[in-house]
């Protein structure tokens, strides 16, 4: 059996440096933004996390907005998929089309959109479980 460590070393690969301690890494975790229910699974009435990616990109574009073609380039989905996301986001009032082809994110919160459309929020521990 070949010694992979020796082969990788000859090829110029080195081990990644380890952090000083695992506890130091865990002390300052990056804040994780909770996903709004409007971007939950389609099965639960949401638009899905792929639509969130499209919406996030539109928010980053600000007043400039973006066309479907620009969103295809930056987000990485096909035009048909982007249009489907924009239709769903528009239905919830999160985006609107202005200036002909340009789409813009509105000031509406995705949390407010979820509440208006009756999409339930995140489940609490132990609730809504099916016993087996």
C-alpha atoms as a PDB file:
ATOM      1  CA  UNK A   1       0.000   0.000   0.000  1.00  0.00           C
ATOM      2  CA  UNK A   2       1.504   3.372  -0.990  1.00  0.00           C
ATOM      3  CA  UNK A   3       2.305   5.998   1.607  1.00  0.00           C
ATOM      4  CA  UNK A   4      -0.032   8.800   0.508  1.00  0.00           C
ATOM      5  CA  UNK A   5       1.490  11.332   2.885  1.00  0.00           C
ATOM      6  CA  UNK A   6       4.915  10.888   1.311  1.00  0.00           C
ATOM      7  CA  UNK A   7       3.507  11.052  -2.230  1.00  0.00           C
ATOM      8  CA  UNK A   8       1.553  14.232  -1.470  1.00  0.00           C
ATOM      9  CA  UNK A   9       4.627  15.810   0.139  1.00  0.00           C
ATOM     10  CA  UNK A  10       6.659  15.085  -3.023  1.00  0.00           C
ATOM     11  CA  UNK A  11       3.920  16.743  -5.077  1.00  0.00           C
ATOM     12  CA  UNK A  12       4.198  19.870  -2.936  1.00  0.00           C
ATOM     13  CA  UNK A  13       1.104  19.456  -0.791  1.00  0.00           C
ATOM     14  CA  UNK A  14       1.422  20.376   2.858  1.00  0.00           C
ATOM     15  CA  UNK A  15      -0.853  19.845   5.826  1.00  0.00           C
ATOM     16  CA  UNK A  16      -3.087  22.792   6.618  1.00  0.00           C
ATOM     17  CA  UNK A  17      -2.058  24.571   9.810  1.00  0.00           C
ATOM     18  CA  UNK A  18      -4.246  23.718  12.771  1.00  0.00           C
ATOM     19  CA  UNK A  19      -5.832  26.460  14.855  1.00  0.00           C
ATOM     20  CA  UNK A  20      -4.211  27.159  18.214  1.00  0.00           C
ATOM     21  CA  UNK A  21      -7.083  25.429  19.930  1.00  0.00           C
ATOM     22  CA  UNK A  22     -10.521  24.229  18.965  1.00  0.00           C
ATOM     23  CA  UNK A  23     -11.988  26.186  21.880  1.00  0.00           C
ATOM     24  CA  UNK A  24     -10.636  29.443  20.409  1.00  0.00           C
ATOM     25  CA  UNK A  25     -12.444  28.727  17.163  1.00  0.00           C
ATOM     26  CA  UNK A  26     -15.748  28.047  18.923  1.00  0.00           C
ATOM     27  CA  UNK A  27     -15.622  31.164  21.112  1.00  0.00           C
ATOM     28  CA  UNK A  28     -16.291  33.614  18.287  1.00  0.00           C
ATOM     29  CA  UNK A  29     -18.687  31.914  15.899  1.00  0.00           C
ATOM     30  CA  UNK A  30     -19.927  33.943  12.963  1.00  0.00           C
ATOM     31  CA  UNK A  31     -23.495  35.101  13.487  1.00  0.00           C
ATOM     32  CA  UNK A  32     -25.896  33.030  11.421  1.00  0.00           C
ATOM     33  CA  UNK A  33     -28.853  34.939  10.095  1.00  0.00           C
ATOM     34  CA  UNK A  34     -32.047  32.976  10.538  1.00  0.00           C
ATOM     35  CA  UNK A  35     -33.791  32.275   7.252  1.00  0.00           C
ATOM     36  CA  UNK A  36     -37.168  33.935   6.904  1.00  0.00           C
ATOM     37  CA  UNK A  37     -40.069  31.486   6.552  1.00  0.00           C
ATOM     38  CA  UNK A  38     -40.846  32.906   3.120  1.00  0.00           C
ATOM     39  CA  UNK A  39     -37.635  31.201   1.964  1.00  0.00           C
ATOM     40  CA  UNK A  40     -38.503  27.904   3.613  1.00  0.00           C
ATOM     41  CA  UNK A  41     -39.250  24.783   1.644  1.00  0.00           C
ATOM     42  CA  UNK A  42     -41.861  24.881  -1.088  1.00  0.00           C
ATOM     43  CA  UNK A  43     -43.682  22.063   0.692  1.00  0.00           C
ATOM     44  CA  UNK A  44     -44.206  24.392   3.664  1.00  0.00           C
ATOM     45  CA  UNK A  45     -45.410  27.289   1.490  1.00  0.00           C
ATOM     46  CA  UNK A  46     -42.059  29.018   1.033  1.00  0.00           C
ATOM     47  CA  UNK A  47     -40.120  29.885  -2.088  1.00  0.00           C
ATOM     48  CA  UNK A  48     -37.001  27.859  -1.282  1.00  0.00           C
ATOM     49  CA  UNK A  49     -33.409  28.854  -0.624  1.00  0.00           C
ATOM     50  CA  UNK A  50     -32.615  29.251  -4.322  1.00  0.00           C
ATOM     51  CA  UNK A  51     -35.150  32.092  -4.541  1.00  0.00           C
ATOM     52  CA  UNK A  52     -33.446  33.624  -1.518  1.00  0.00           C
ATOM     53  CA  UNK A  53     -30.197  33.686  -3.468  1.00  0.00           C
ATOM     54  CA  UNK A  54     -31.905  35.608  -6.282  1.00  0.00           C
ATOM     55  CA  UNK A  55     -33.515  38.036  -3.812  1.00  0.00           C
ATOM     56  CA  UNK A  56     -30.228  38.589  -1.957  1.00  0.00           C
ATOM     57  CA  UNK A  57     -28.540  39.459  -5.235  1.00  0.00           C
ATOM     58  CA  UNK A  58     -31.269  41.973  -6.096  1.00  0.00           C
ATOM     59  CA  UNK A  59     -30.915  43.562  -2.667  1.00  0.00           C
ATOM     60  CA  UNK A  60     -27.168  43.906  -3.242  1.00  0.00           C
ATOM     61  CA  UNK A  61     -27.820  45.642  -6.587  1.00  0.00           C
ATOM     62  CA  UNK A  62     -29.773  48.352  -4.742  1.00  0.00           C
ATOM     63  CA  UNK A  63     -31.302  51.194  -6.770  1.00  0.00           C
ATOM     64  CA  UNK A  64     -29.613  49.978  -9.926  1.00  0.00           C
ATOM     65  CA  UNK A  65     -31.606  46.742 -10.043  1.00  0.00           C
ATOM     66  CA  UNK A  66     -30.809  43.924 -12.434  1.00  0.00           C
ATOM     67  CA  UNK A  67     -32.202  42.337 -15.553  1.00  0.00           C
ATOM     68  CA  UNK A  68     -32.903  38.619 -15.862  1.00  0.00           C
ATOM     69  CA  UNK A  69     -29.743  38.248 -17.960  1.00  0.00           C
ATOM     70  CA  UNK A  70     -27.599  39.971 -15.318  1.00  0.00           C
ATOM     71  CA  UNK A  71     -29.104  37.788 -12.607  1.00  0.00           C
ATOM     72  CA  UNK A  72     -28.328  34.689 -14.686  1.00  0.00           C
ATOM     73  CA  UNK A  73     -24.671  35.714 -14.823  1.00  0.00           C
ATOM     74  CA  UNK A  74     -24.298  36.623 -11.159  1.00  0.00           C
ATOM     75  CA  UNK A  75     -26.545  34.070  -9.484  1.00  0.00           C
ATOM     76  CA  UNK A  76     -25.770  31.208 -11.839  1.00  0.00           C
ATOM     77  CA  UNK A  77     -29.259  29.973 -12.712  1.00  0.00           C
ATOM     78  CA  UNK A  78     -30.872  29.708 -16.124  1.00  0.00           C
ATOM     79  CA  UNK A  79     -33.254  32.431 -17.256  1.00  0.00           C
ATOM     80  CA  UNK A  80     -36.298  30.186 -16.817  1.00  0.00           C
ATOM     81  CA  UNK A  81     -35.352  29.551 -13.187  1.00  0.00           C
ATOM     82  CA  UNK A  82     -34.674  33.230 -12.499  1.00  0.00           C
ATOM     83  CA  UNK A  83     -38.063  34.183 -13.970  1.00  0.00           C
ATOM     84  CA  UNK A  84     -39.756  31.595 -11.754  1.00  0.00           C
ATOM     85  CA  UNK A  85     -38.000  33.050  -8.693  1.00  0.00           C
ATOM     86  CA  UNK A  86     -38.905  36.606  -9.679  1.00  0.00           C
ATOM     87  CA  UNK A  87     -42.565  35.640 -10.135  1.00  0.00           C
ATOM     88  CA  UNK A  88     -42.662  34.106  -6.660  1.00  0.00           C
ATOM     89  CA  UNK A  89     -40.795  37.007  -5.069  1.00  0.00           C
ATOM     90  CA  UNK A  90     -43.142  39.447  -6.815  1.00  0.00           C
ATOM     91  CA  UNK A  91     -46.184  37.543  -5.554  1.00  0.00           C
ATOM     92  CA  UNK A  92     -44.910  38.090  -1.995  1.00  0.00           C
ATOM     93  CA  UNK A  93     -44.132  41.764  -2.701  1.00  0.00           C
ATOM     94  CA  UNK A  94     -40.382  41.374  -2.258  1.00  0.00           C
ATOM     95  CA  UNK A  95     -39.409  42.504  -5.778  1.00  0.00           C
ATOM     96  CA  UNK A  96     -40.894  44.653  -8.495  1.00  0.00           C
ATOM     97  CA  UNK A  97     -40.106  45.343 -12.127  1.00  0.00           C
ATOM     98  CA  UNK A  98     -39.233  48.932 -12.992  1.00  0.00           C
ATOM     99  CA  UNK A  99     -37.584  50.727 -15.872  1.00  0.00           C
ATOM    100  CA  UNK A 100     -38.650  48.188 -18.475  1.00  0.00           C
ATOM    101  CA  UNK A 101     -36.528  45.107 -17.851  1.00  0.00           C
ATOM    102  CA  UNK A 102     -34.871  45.904 -14.511  1.00  0.00           C
ATOM    103  CA  UNK A 103     -36.021  44.146 -11.341  1.00  0.00           C
ATOM    104  CA  UNK A 104     -35.572  45.735  -7.932  1.00  0.00           C
ATOM    105  CA  UNK A 105     -35.891  44.473  -4.375  1.00  0.00           C
ATOM    106  CA  UNK A 106     -38.553  46.312  -2.412  1.00  0.00           C
ATOM    107  CA  UNK A 107     -38.162  47.547   1.154  1.00  0.00           C
ATOM    108  CA  UNK A 108     -40.569  44.859   2.374  1.00  0.00           C
ATOM    109  CA  UNK A 109     -39.185  42.440   4.925  1.00  0.00           C
ATOM    110  CA  UNK A 110     -39.340  38.733   4.049  1.00  0.00           C
ATOM    111  CA  UNK A 111     -40.589  38.148   7.600  1.00  0.00           C
ATOM    112  CA  UNK A 112     -43.509  40.508   6.996  1.00  0.00           C
ATOM    113  CA  UNK A 113     -44.250  38.810   3.675  1.00  0.00           C
ATOM    114  CA  UNK A 114     -44.341  35.422   5.387  1.00  0.00           C
ATOM    115  CA  UNK A 115     -46.684  36.720   8.064  1.00  0.00           C
ATOM    116  CA  UNK A 116     -49.019  38.330   5.500  1.00  0.00           C
ATOM    117  CA  UNK A 117     -49.274  35.073   3.559  1.00  0.00           C
ATOM    118  CA  UNK A 118     -49.684  32.860   6.614  1.00  0.00           C
ATOM    119  CA  UNK A 119     -46.421  30.969   6.269  1.00  0.00           C
ATOM    120  CA  UNK A 120     -45.570  29.485   9.660  1.00  0.00           C
ATOM    121  CA  UNK A 121     -42.306  30.483  11.299  1.00  0.00           C
ATOM    122  CA  UNK A 122     -39.558  28.125  12.410  1.00  0.00           C
ATOM    123  CA  UNK A 123     -40.656  25.163  14.463  1.00  0.00           C
ATOM    124  CA  UNK A 124     -39.731  25.011  18.083  1.00  0.00           C
ATOM    125  CA  UNK A 125     -37.953  21.997  19.488  1.00  0.00           C
ATOM    126  CA  UNK A 126     -40.272  19.024  19.928  1.00  0.00           C
ATOM    127  CA  UNK A 127     -43.331  20.626  18.362  1.00  0.00           C
ATOM    128  CA  UNK A 128     -44.896  19.293  15.155  1.00  0.00           C
ATOM    129  CA  UNK A 129     -43.076  15.991  15.363  1.00  0.00           C
ATOM    130  CA  UNK A 130     -44.694  12.839  14.191  1.00  0.00           C
ATOM    131  CA  UNK A 131     -44.383   9.998  16.687  1.00  0.00           C
ATOM    132  CA  UNK A 132     -43.343   6.688  15.246  1.00  0.00           C
END
